Amino acid sequence: MNPKHPQAGKTRKVRKVAETAMASLTSLGSALSPRLAELVSVFEIGNAGAMNTLRHALLGGDKEPTYVHAGQTHKNHGIELHPNATIHILAPEFDFDRFYLGEVAQTNLKGVIGAAAFAAKDEADPDSKTDTDTASAAVPDLPPEPKNISQAAFRALRARMQSNALAFADLDGKLKNNSSVVLLLEWKGKRLLFVGDAEWHGAFKEGKMNGSWNVMWKERNELLTEPVDFLKIGHHGSENATPWDMGSGTVTEEAKILEAILPLPKAGNKPTARAVVSTERGKYRTIPRGQLLKEIARRVDEATSYADDLRDYKPKDIADFDAYERDWLNELQPPRTDFERIRKNNGYIDVTFN
């Protein structure tokens, strides 16, 4: 997110609350659930260096990066393309607080940090070359066992800290994912969709924390109601980065979006769209979501089974691989970079169109 954006302050405050809560949680030294352990590991990684590289080092000198928002095209930024090519920016919306943070989340943030802190202008210098808004909070030393409260009260306190940490860490993650730039490239009659880590959160509702997909469906509907020829599958195959019915068979807003961009072929016809996913089993236990990749494979050309290629493959963590690949490894999947690397020793996938 542009640190000079007029609404950047609240998202930065969410980040700081999340960092503080996660640091306090870590200091308890308690056994964490897999979900909390995963979130703690994320917040132990500082992003300041990466942000500084993206915003300053890659550009060189005093040049400023270009920030884009929904409703723009390449023409808004003086980019010259072939007459048959157009780049549409579908997300994020400029009004970040309205569409992605929402009234409820803002009320919760105000309740945690207080009305004065909530209303205060952002204290970070937007011209600073070191992005303190993404630096990780220091983890305090492990405290001694409490002497002034009962063990039951201490467990209740720890539960509240875990709940607070989980809620704000989740919120911070959603805000970052929903600030992803989503690009629709139209070129020689082809429609290519690149969605970053944009999430869906259920049907759009004014005033709530909406997912980027749901906002696009409401605000940029005319560009999403036609099928695409190529989809770069979002967030390494995460279940909340591609709109779908999650296997329920229910007609939801998300199911309608998927059917619009990647419609199931009619009986007797083959799908013509293409899709790829950049992923690797092991970093996150539930990414990629196998059931989602199976659903996408029904809707795209050149889906494949990797079972034979992986028959003798020895993953780093056999337990995770077996648990999350076993039930669907024989099923068709869209091309994915980790398995293509095993199959062809290539960490990339070529996509060609007739």
Protein backbone atom coordinates (compact mmCIF):
# COMPACT_ATOMS: atom_id res chain seq x y z
CA MET A 1 0.00 0.00 0.00
CA ASN A 2 1.19 3.51 -0.76
CA PRO A 3 2.52 4.86 2.59
CA LYS A 4 1.36 8.33 1.51
CA HIS A 5 -2.20 7.16 0.85
CA PRO A 6 -4.61 9.25 2.97
CA GLN A 7 -5.99 6.05 4.51
CA ALA A 8 -2.67 4.31 5.19
CA GLY A 9 -2.66 5.24 8.88
CA LYS A 10 -5.38 2.84 10.02
CA THR A 11 -3.92 -0.16 8.23
CA ARG A 12 -0.54 0.67 9.79
CA LYS A 13 -2.18 0.80 13.22
CA VAL A 14 -3.75 -2.63 12.61
CA ARG A 15 -0.29 -3.94 11.77
CA LYS A 16 1.21 -2.57 14.99
CA VAL A 17 -1.59 -4.02 17.15
CA ALA A 18 -1.09 -7.40 15.48
CA GLU A 19 2.69 -7.29 15.97
CA THR A 20 2.36 -6.36 19.64
CA ALA A 21 -0.24 -9.06 20.29
CA MET A 22 1.81 -11.74 18.54
CA ALA A 23 4.97 -10.71 20.40
CA SER A 24 3.16 -10.91 23.74
CA LEU A 25 1.72 -14.27 22.81
CA THR A 26 5.14 -15.63 21.89
CA SER A 27 6.57 -14.42 25.21
CA LEU A 28 4.19 -16.70 27.11
CA GLY A 29 6.05 -19.71 25.82
CA SER A 30 2.79 -21.63 25.57
CA ALA A 31 2.11 -24.47 23.19
CA LEU A 32 0.43 -22.96 20.18
CA SER A 33 -2.10 -24.43 17.81
CA PRO A 34 -0.83 -25.00 14.24
CA ARG A 35 -2.75 -21.93 13.07
CA LEU A 36 -1.26 -19.67 15.76
CA ALA A 37 2.23 -21.12 15.25
CA GLU A 38 1.94 -20.30 11.54
CA LEU A 39 0.87 -16.73 12.28
CA VAL A 40 3.69 -16.27 14.80
CA SER A 41 6.22 -17.40 12.21
CA VAL A 42 4.87 -14.86 9.73
CA PHE A 43 5.21 -12.00 12.21
CA GLU A 44 8.77 -13.03 13.10
CA ILE A 45 9.78 -12.19 9.52
CA GLY A 46 10.59 -8.53 8.90
CA ASN A 47 9.37 -7.10 5.59
CA ALA A 48 11.12 -3.75 5.91
CA GLY A 49 14.03 -4.76 3.68
CA ALA A 50 11.75 -6.08 0.96
CA MET A 51 9.56 -2.98 1.01
CA ASN A 52 12.59 -0.71 0.93
CA THR A 53 13.93 -2.61 -2.09
CA LEU A 54 10.62 -2.42 -3.94
CA ARG A 55 9.96 1.24 -3.20
CA HIS A 56 13.45 2.66 -3.48
CA ALA A 57 16.42 0.45 -4.34
CA LEU A 58 15.01 -1.00 -7.57
CA LEU A 59 14.09 2.44 -8.87
CA GLY A 60 17.39 4.07 -8.03
CA GLY A 61 17.96 7.66 -7.04
CA ASP A 62 14.99 9.63 -5.76
CA LYS A 63 12.40 8.21 -8.14
CA GLU A 64 9.00 7.42 -6.67
CA PRO A 65 7.16 4.16 -7.36
CA THR A 66 3.86 4.33 -9.21
CA TYR A 67 0.83 3.22 -7.20
CA VAL A 68 -2.30 2.19 -9.07
CA HIS A 69 -5.93 1.62 -8.16
CA ALA A 70 -9.08 0.12 -9.62
CA GLY A 71 -10.71 1.88 -12.54
CA GLN A 72 -7.45 2.87 -14.17
CA THR A 73 -5.86 1.48 -17.33
CA HIS A 74 -2.38 1.66 -18.81
CA LYS A 75 -3.35 4.99 -20.36
CA ASN A 76 -3.65 6.64 -16.94
CA HIS A 77 0.06 6.03 -16.43
CA GLY A 78 1.36 6.93 -19.86
CA ILE A 79 2.17 3.35 -20.88
CA GLU A 80 2.20 2.88 -24.64
CA LEU A 81 0.87 -0.48 -25.86
CA HIS A 82 -0.12 -2.08 -29.12
CA PRO A 83 -3.53 -0.75 -30.27
CA ASN A 84 -5.02 -4.22 -29.66
CA ALA A 85 -3.81 -4.37 -26.05
CA THR A 86 -5.32 -2.95 -22.86
CA ILE A 87 -4.35 -3.31 -19.21
CA HIS A 88 -7.31 -2.91 -16.84
CA ILE A 89 -6.63 -2.42 -13.12
CA LEU A 90 -9.44 -4.19 -11.26
CA ALA A 91 -8.14 -3.81 -7.70
CA PRO A 92 -7.53 -2.44 -5.16
CA GLU A 93 -10.11 0.32 -4.83
CA PHE A 94 -8.76 3.72 -3.76
CA ASP A 95 -11.27 3.95 -0.87
CA PHE A 96 -9.51 1.27 1.17
CA ASP A 97 -11.27 1.89 4.49
CA ARG A 98 -14.74 1.61 2.98
CA PHE A 99 -14.24 -1.52 0.93
CA TYR A 100 -11.63 -3.59 2.80
CA LEU A 101 -11.29 -2.41 6.41
CA GLY A 102 -14.99 -1.82 7.04
CA GLU A 103 -16.84 -0.20 9.92
CA VAL A 104 -16.75 -3.19 12.30
CA ALA A 105 -12.99 -3.64 12.03
CA GLN A 106 -12.47 0.08 12.56
CA THR A 107 -14.67 -0.03 15.67
CA ASN A 108 -12.71 -2.98 17.04
CA LEU A 109 -9.41 -1.21 16.36
CA LYS A 110 -10.69 1.92 18.11
CA GLY A 111 -11.72 -0.17 21.12
CA VAL A 112 -8.26 -1.73 21.43
CA ILE A 113 -6.03 1.33 20.94
CA GLY A 114 -8.41 4.01 22.24
CA ALA A 115 -10.25 6.87 20.56
CA ALA A 116 -7.32 9.30 20.74
CA ALA A 117 -4.83 6.92 19.13
CA PHE A 118 -7.39 5.88 16.54
CA ALA A 119 -8.04 9.49 15.53
CA ALA A 120 -4.38 10.56 15.64
CA LYS A 121 -2.57 11.17 12.41
CA ASP A 122 -0.12 8.48 11.38
CA GLU A 123 3.15 9.09 13.18
CA ALA A 124 5.35 7.42 10.56
CA ASP A 125 7.20 9.62 8.09
CA PRO A 126 5.86 8.67 4.65
CA ASP A 127 9.08 9.97 3.05
CA SER A 128 11.27 7.74 5.21
CA LYS A 129 13.49 5.32 3.30
CA THR A 130 13.07 2.72 6.04
CA ASP A 131 9.57 1.35 6.18
CA THR A 132 8.83 1.06 9.87
CA ASP A 133 5.24 0.19 9.05
CA THR A 134 6.31 -3.30 8.03
CA ALA A 135 9.09 -3.94 10.52
CA SER A 136 8.44 -6.72 13.01
CA ALA A 137 7.94 -5.96 16.67
CA ALA A 138 10.58 -7.16 19.10
CA VAL A 139 9.60 -10.23 21.11
CA PRO A 140 9.96 -9.61 24.84
CA ASP A 141 11.83 -11.98 27.13
CA LEU A 142 9.88 -14.86 28.63
CA PRO A 143 8.21 -13.58 31.83
CA PRO A 144 8.41 -15.43 35.15
CA GLU A 145 5.48 -17.51 36.33
CA PRO A 146 2.74 -15.19 37.67
CA LYS A 147 2.57 -14.95 41.47
CA ASN A 148 -0.31 -12.53 41.91
CA ILE A 149 -3.05 -14.34 39.98
CA SER A 150 -4.39 -17.85 40.00
CA GLN A 151 -3.50 -20.38 37.35
CA ALA A 152 -7.12 -20.29 36.14
CA ALA A 153 -6.98 -16.50 35.74
CA PHE A 154 -3.64 -16.80 33.98
CA ARG A 155 -5.09 -19.33 31.52
CA ALA A 156 -8.04 -17.01 30.88
CA LEU A 157 -5.63 -14.12 30.25
CA ARG A 158 -3.60 -16.25 27.86
CA ALA A 159 -6.77 -17.26 25.99
CA ARG A 160 -7.77 -13.60 25.56
CA MET A 161 -4.28 -12.75 24.29
CA GLN A 162 -4.46 -15.60 21.81
CA SER A 163 -7.87 -14.48 20.62
CA ASN A 164 -6.71 -10.87 20.25
CA ALA A 165 -3.52 -11.91 18.45
CA LEU A 166 -5.36 -14.23 16.09
CA ALA A 167 -8.04 -11.66 15.26
CA PHE A 168 -5.66 -8.81 14.45
CA ALA A 169 -3.10 -11.01 12.73
CA ASP A 170 -5.87 -12.36 10.50
CA LEU A 171 -7.12 -8.84 9.84
CA ASP A 172 -3.64 -7.60 8.97
CA GLY A 173 -3.11 -10.52 6.60
CA LYS A 174 -6.43 -9.94 4.86
CA LEU A 175 -5.72 -6.23 4.42
CA LYS A 176 -2.36 -6.95 2.84
CA ASN A 177 -3.78 -9.63 0.53
CA ASN A 178 -6.69 -7.42 -0.50
CA SER A 179 -4.31 -4.61 -1.43
CA SER A 180 -2.99 -6.84 -4.23
CA VAL A 181 -2.97 -5.28 -7.66
CA VAL A 182 -5.30 -7.26 -9.95
CA LEU A 183 -4.63 -6.91 -13.67
CA LEU A 184 -6.78 -7.91 -16.61
CA LEU A 185 -4.79 -7.89 -19.85
CA GLU A 186 -6.74 -7.86 -23.10
CA TRP A 187 -4.56 -8.67 -26.09
CA LYS A 188 -5.54 -9.82 -29.59
CA GLY A 189 -8.90 -11.04 -28.35
CA LYS A 190 -7.43 -12.90 -25.35
CA ARG A 191 -8.22 -12.07 -21.70
CA LEU A 192 -5.46 -12.79 -19.18
CA LEU A 193 -6.21 -12.37 -15.46
CA PHE A 194 -3.52 -11.93 -12.78
CA VAL A 195 -4.96 -11.68 -9.27
CA GLY A 196 -2.05 -11.66 -6.82
CA ASP A 197 -3.25 -12.69 -3.34
CA ALA A 198 -6.72 -11.09 -3.58
CA GLU A 199 -9.19 -12.83 -1.22
CA TRP A 200 -12.94 -13.46 -1.12
CA HIS A 201 -14.92 -13.18 2.14
CA GLY A 202 -18.52 -13.89 1.20
CA ALA A 203 -21.03 -11.74 -0.62
CA PHE A 204 -20.33 -8.01 -0.73
CA LYS A 205 -21.93 -5.96 2.01
CA GLU A 206 -21.59 -2.23 2.47
CA GLY A 207 -19.71 -1.34 5.66
CA LYS A 208 -18.14 -4.73 6.28
CA MET A 209 -14.60 -5.95 5.66
CA ASN A 210 -15.06 -7.21 2.11
CA GLY A 211 -12.81 -9.43 0.09
CA SER A 212 -11.19 -7.99 -2.99
CA TRP A 213 -12.95 -10.51 -5.28
CA ASN A 214 -16.34 -9.49 -3.91
CA VAL A 215 -15.53 -5.80 -4.34
CA MET A 216 -14.46 -6.41 -7.93
CA TRP A 217 -17.67 -8.33 -8.61
CA LYS A 218 -19.67 -5.33 -7.39
CA GLU A 219 -17.59 -2.44 -8.75
CA ARG A 220 -15.94 -3.93 -11.88
CA ASN A 221 -18.59 -6.47 -12.82
CA GLU A 222 -18.60 -5.64 -16.52
CA LEU A 223 -14.97 -6.82 -16.80
CA LEU A 224 -15.51 -10.09 -14.91
CA THR A 225 -18.73 -11.38 -16.45
CA GLU A 226 -16.96 -12.71 -19.55
CA PRO A 227 -14.73 -15.82 -19.49
CA VAL A 228 -10.97 -15.37 -19.32
CA ASP A 229 -8.48 -17.23 -21.50
CA PHE A 230 -5.85 -17.43 -18.78
CA LEU A 231 -5.92 -17.32 -14.98
CA LYS A 232 -2.84 -17.05 -12.81
CA ILE A 233 -4.30 -18.89 -9.80
CA GLY A 234 -4.17 -16.68 -6.70
CA HIS A 235 -1.97 -17.03 -3.62
CA HIS A 236 -0.30 -20.32 -4.56
CA GLY A 237 -3.62 -22.16 -4.62
CA SER A 238 -4.98 -20.95 -1.28
CA GLU A 239 -8.66 -21.77 -0.77
CA ASN A 240 -9.64 -18.15 -0.07
CA ALA A 241 -7.81 -16.65 -3.07
CA THR A 242 -10.03 -18.16 -5.79
CA PRO A 243 -13.80 -17.66 -5.52
CA TRP A 244 -15.56 -21.04 -5.35
CA ASP A 245 -18.24 -22.93 -3.43
CA MET A 246 -15.63 -24.88 -1.38
CA GLY A 247 -17.14 -28.14 -2.60
CA SER A 248 -20.58 -27.43 -1.17
CA GLY A 249 -22.40 -27.31 -4.50
CA THR A 250 -24.21 -24.20 -3.26
CA VAL A 251 -24.82 -21.29 -5.63
CA THR A 252 -23.01 -18.48 -3.82
CA GLU A 253 -21.63 -15.17 -5.03
CA GLU A 254 -18.19 -16.79 -5.17
CA ALA A 255 -19.48 -19.72 -7.23
CA LYS A 256 -21.02 -17.25 -9.67
CA ILE A 257 -17.70 -15.44 -10.05
CA LEU A 258 -15.82 -18.65 -10.82
CA GLU A 259 -18.47 -19.75 -13.30
CA ALA A 260 -18.25 -16.37 -15.01
CA ILE A 261 -14.47 -16.33 -15.48
CA LEU A 262 -13.92 -20.10 -15.91
CA PRO A 263 -17.26 -21.60 -16.97
CA LEU A 264 -17.69 -25.37 -17.00
CA PRO A 265 -17.74 -26.58 -20.62
CA LYS A 266 -21.03 -27.77 -22.03
CA ALA A 267 -21.55 -31.51 -22.47
CA GLY A 268 -19.32 -32.86 -25.23
CA ASN A 269 -17.04 -29.82 -25.29
CA LYS A 270 -13.55 -29.37 -23.89
CA PRO A 271 -12.49 -26.33 -21.88
CA THR A 272 -10.22 -23.89 -23.70
CA ALA A 273 -9.01 -21.60 -20.92
CA ARG A 274 -5.58 -22.05 -19.35
CA ALA A 275 -4.49 -21.70 -15.72
CA VAL A 276 -1.26 -22.19 -13.79
CA VAL A 277 -0.37 -22.07 -10.11
CA SER A 278 2.96 -21.18 -8.56
CA THR A 279 3.24 -23.28 -5.44
CA GLU A 280 5.31 -25.68 -3.37
CA ARG A 281 4.05 -28.16 -0.82
CA GLY A 282 5.43 -27.73 2.66
CA LYS A 283 5.65 -24.01 3.38
CA TYR A 284 2.00 -23.88 4.47
CA ARG A 285 0.19 -27.08 5.34
CA THR A 286 -3.09 -26.11 3.66
CA ILE A 287 -1.69 -24.37 0.57
CA PRO A 288 -2.37 -25.41 -2.12
CA ARG A 289 -5.90 -26.63 -1.41
CA GLY A 290 -6.22 -29.84 -3.39
CA GLN A 291 -9.99 -29.74 -3.73
CA LEU A 292 -9.80 -26.26 -5.23
CA LEU A 293 -7.21 -27.30 -7.79
CA LYS A 294 -9.40 -30.24 -8.78
CA GLU A 295 -12.32 -27.87 -9.30
CA ILE A 296 -10.24 -25.52 -11.45
CA ALA A 297 -8.97 -28.49 -13.48
CA ARG A 298 -12.56 -29.21 -14.56
CA ARG A 299 -12.64 -25.78 -16.17
CA VAL A 300 -9.28 -25.49 -17.97
CA ASP A 301 -7.35 -27.10 -20.78
CA GLU A 302 -4.11 -29.08 -20.25
CA ALA A 303 -4.99 -30.23 -16.74
CA THR A 304 -2.84 -33.20 -15.83
CA SER A 305 -2.23 -35.94 -13.26
CA TYR A 306 1.18 -35.95 -11.60
CA ALA A 307 0.80 -39.31 -9.86
CA ASP A 308 3.29 -41.20 -12.05
CA ASP A 309 5.91 -38.46 -11.85
CA LEU A 310 5.72 -38.40 -8.05
CA ARG A 311 5.60 -42.14 -7.46
CA ASP A 312 9.22 -42.29 -6.28
CA TYR A 313 9.51 -38.71 -5.07
CA LYS A 314 10.72 -38.24 -1.49
CA PRO A 315 9.39 -34.96 -0.03
CA LYS A 316 11.10 -33.14 2.83
CA ASP A 317 8.12 -33.75 5.12
CA ILE A 318 6.52 -37.04 4.19
CA ALA A 319 3.69 -36.69 6.71
CA ASP A 320 2.44 -33.37 5.35
CA PHE A 321 2.85 -34.50 1.76
CA ASP A 322 0.91 -37.70 2.33
CA ALA A 323 -1.83 -36.00 4.34
CA TYR A 324 -2.54 -33.22 1.86
CA GLU A 325 -1.72 -34.83 -1.49
CA ARG A 326 -2.90 -38.40 -0.97
CA ASP A 327 -6.63 -37.96 -1.60
CA TRP A 328 -6.33 -36.08 -4.86
CA LEU A 329 -2.92 -36.80 -6.36
CA ASN A 330 -4.44 -39.09 -9.00
CA GLU A 331 -6.93 -36.39 -9.97
CA LEU A 332 -6.40 -33.86 -12.74
CA GLN A 333 -4.85 -30.55 -11.69
CA PRO A 334 -3.87 -27.36 -13.51
CA PRO A 335 -0.13 -27.13 -14.19
CA ARG A 336 1.77 -26.24 -11.00
CA THR A 337 5.38 -25.12 -10.71
CA ASP A 338 6.51 -27.46 -7.92
CA PHE A 339 5.44 -30.64 -9.73
CA GLU A 340 6.66 -29.36 -13.09
CA ARG A 341 10.07 -28.88 -11.45
CA ILE A 342 10.02 -32.53 -10.41
CA ARG A 343 8.76 -33.68 -13.80
CA LYS A 344 10.92 -31.54 -16.11
CA ASN A 345 13.45 -29.86 -13.81
CA ASN A 346 11.85 -26.55 -14.76
CA GLY A 347 10.67 -24.06 -12.15
CA TYR A 348 8.44 -22.33 -14.68
CA ILE A 349 5.56 -23.14 -17.01
CA ASP A 350 5.28 -21.98 -20.61
CA VAL A 351 1.78 -21.03 -21.73
CA THR A 352 1.06 -20.72 -25.44
CA PHE A 353 -2.08 -19.73 -27.32
CA ASN A 354 -3.04 -20.59 -30.89
